[in-house]
């Protein structure tokens, strides 16, 4: 999953992204 890669490169960014997109779908 792309989120997995991003989470490793941007663990802090993923949190912000989840705020806007709570669903990885």
PDB file of N, CA and C in Angstrom:
ATOM      1  N   UNK A   1       0.843  -1.210   0.000  1.00  0.00           N
ATOM      2  CA  UNK A   1       0.000   0.000   0.000  1.00  0.00           C
ATOM      3  C   UNK A   1       0.876   1.258   0.000  1.00  0.00           C
ATOM      4  N   UNK A   2       0.423   2.245  -0.709  1.00  0.00           N
ATOM      5  CA  UNK A   2       1.207   3.480  -0.789  1.00  0.00           C
ATOM      6  C   UNK A   2       1.318   4.143   0.584  1.00  0.00           C
ATOM      7  N   UNK A   3       0.242   4.053   1.339  1.00  0.00           N
ATOM      8  CA  UNK A   3       0.242   4.678   2.680  1.00  0.00           C
ATOM      9  C   UNK A   3       1.398   4.114   3.511  1.00  0.00           C
ATOM     10  N   UNK A   4       1.681   2.850   3.332  1.00  0.00           N
ATOM     11  CA  UNK A   4       2.756   2.221   4.114  1.00  0.00           C
ATOM     12  C   UNK A   4       4.090   2.898   3.819  1.00  0.00           C
ATOM     13  N   UNK A   5       4.339   3.133   2.553  1.00  0.00           N
ATOM     14  CA  UNK A   5       5.607   3.767   2.159  1.00  0.00           C
ATOM     15  C   UNK A   5       5.662   5.205   2.673  1.00  0.00           C
ATOM     16  N   UNK A   6       4.567   5.898   2.518  1.00  0.00           N
ATOM     17  CA  UNK A   6       4.525   7.303   2.961  1.00  0.00           C
ATOM     18  C   UNK A   6       4.686   7.370   4.475  1.00  0.00           C
ATOM     19  N   UNK A   7       4.090   6.413   5.150  1.00  0.00           N
ATOM     20  CA  UNK A   7       4.160   6.413   6.621  1.00  0.00           C
ATOM     21  C   UNK A   7       5.619   6.274   7.076  1.00  0.00           C
ATOM     22  N   UNK A   8       6.381   5.533   6.315  1.00  0.00           N
ATOM     23  CA  UNK A   8       7.794   5.340   6.687  1.00  0.00           C
ATOM     24  C   UNK A   8       8.619   6.577   6.349  1.00  0.00           C
ATOM     25  N   UNK A   9       8.236   7.245   5.259  1.00  0.00           N
ATOM     26  CA  UNK A   9       8.984   8.447   4.849  1.00  0.00           C
ATOM     27  C   UNK A   9       8.456   9.682   5.559  1.00  0.00           C
ATOM     28  N   UNK A  10       7.162   9.687   5.807  1.00  0.00           N
ATOM     29  CA  UNK A  10       6.548  10.856   6.467  1.00  0.00           C
ATOM     30  C   UNK A  10       5.590  10.420   7.576  1.00  0.00           C
ATOM     31  N   UNK A  11       6.156   9.915   8.672  1.00  0.00           N
ATOM     32  CA  UNK A  11       5.326   9.451   9.799  1.00  0.00           C
ATOM     33  C   UNK A  11       4.527  10.602  10.401  1.00  0.00           C
ATOM     34  N   UNK A  12       5.108  11.799  10.315  1.00  0.00           N
ATOM     35  CA  UNK A  12       4.412  12.979  10.874  1.00  0.00           C
ATOM     36  C   UNK A  12       3.359  13.479   9.895  1.00  0.00           C
ATOM     37  N   UNK A  13       3.659  13.340   8.612  1.00  0.00           N
ATOM     38  CA  UNK A  13       2.723  13.842   7.587  1.00  0.00           C
ATOM     39  C   UNK A  13       1.469  12.962   7.554  1.00  0.00           C
ATOM     40  N   UNK A  14       1.667  11.694   7.705  1.00  0.00           N
ATOM     41  CA  UNK A  14       0.524  10.760   7.666  1.00  0.00           C
ATOM     42  C   UNK A  14      -0.557  11.183   8.650  1.00  0.00           C
ATOM     43  N   UNK A  15      -0.143  11.676   9.777  1.00  0.00           N
ATOM     44  CA  UNK A  15      -1.126  12.112  10.786  1.00  0.00           C
ATOM     45  C   UNK A  15      -1.962  13.255  10.232  1.00  0.00           C
ATOM     46  N   UNK A  16      -1.301  14.179   9.563  1.00  0.00           N
ATOM     47  CA  UNK A  16      -2.023  15.339   9.000  1.00  0.00           C
ATOM     48  C   UNK A  16      -2.932  14.863   7.870  1.00  0.00           C
ATOM     49  N   UNK A  17      -2.438  13.922   7.097  1.00  0.00           N
ATOM     50  CA  UNK A  17      -3.226  13.411   5.960  1.00  0.00           C
ATOM     51  C   UNK A  17      -4.482  12.717   6.471  1.00  0.00           C
ATOM     52  N   UNK A  18      -4.311  11.938   7.534  1.00  0.00           N
ATOM     53  CA  UNK A  18      -5.456  11.215   8.100  1.00  0.00           C
ATOM     54  C   UNK A  18      -6.540  12.183   8.540  1.00  0.00           C
ATOM     55  N   UNK A  19      -6.100  13.367   8.982  1.00  0.00           N
ATOM     56  CA  UNK A  19      -7.069  14.382   9.448  1.00  0.00           C
ATOM     57  C   UNK A  19      -7.987  14.757   8.285  1.00  0.00           C
ATOM     58  N   UNK A  20      -7.403  14.848   7.098  1.00  0.00           N
ATOM     59  CA  UNK A  20      -8.198  15.224   5.921  1.00  0.00           C
ATOM     60  C   UNK A  20      -8.815  13.972   5.298  1.00  0.00           C
ATOM     61  N   UNK A  21      -8.055  12.887   5.318  1.00  0.00           N
ATOM     62  CA  UNK A  21      -8.559  11.644   4.720  1.00  0.00           C
ATOM     63  C   UNK A  21      -8.496  10.510   5.743  1.00  0.00           C
ATOM     64  N   UNK A  22      -9.524  10.386   6.566  1.00  0.00           N
ATOM     65  CA  UNK A  22      -9.553   9.340   7.592  1.00  0.00           C
ATOM     66  C   UNK A  22      -9.623   7.943   6.980  1.00  0.00           C
ATOM     67  N   UNK A  23      -9.979   7.896   5.697  1.00  0.00           N
ATOM     68  CA  UNK A  23     -10.092   6.596   5.014  1.00  0.00           C
ATOM     69  C   UNK A  23      -9.010   6.476   3.945  1.00  0.00           C
ATOM     70  N   UNK A  24      -8.182   5.435   3.988  1.00  0.00           N
ATOM     71  CA  UNK A  24      -7.122   5.232   2.991  1.00  0.00           C
ATOM     72  C   UNK A  24      -7.690   4.926   1.615  1.00  0.00           C
ATOM     73  N   UNK A  25      -8.981   4.614   1.592  1.00  0.00           N
ATOM     74  CA  UNK A  25      -9.607   4.291   0.308  1.00  0.00           C
ATOM     75  C   UNK A  25      -9.711   5.557  -0.531  1.00  0.00           C
TER      76      UNK A  25
END
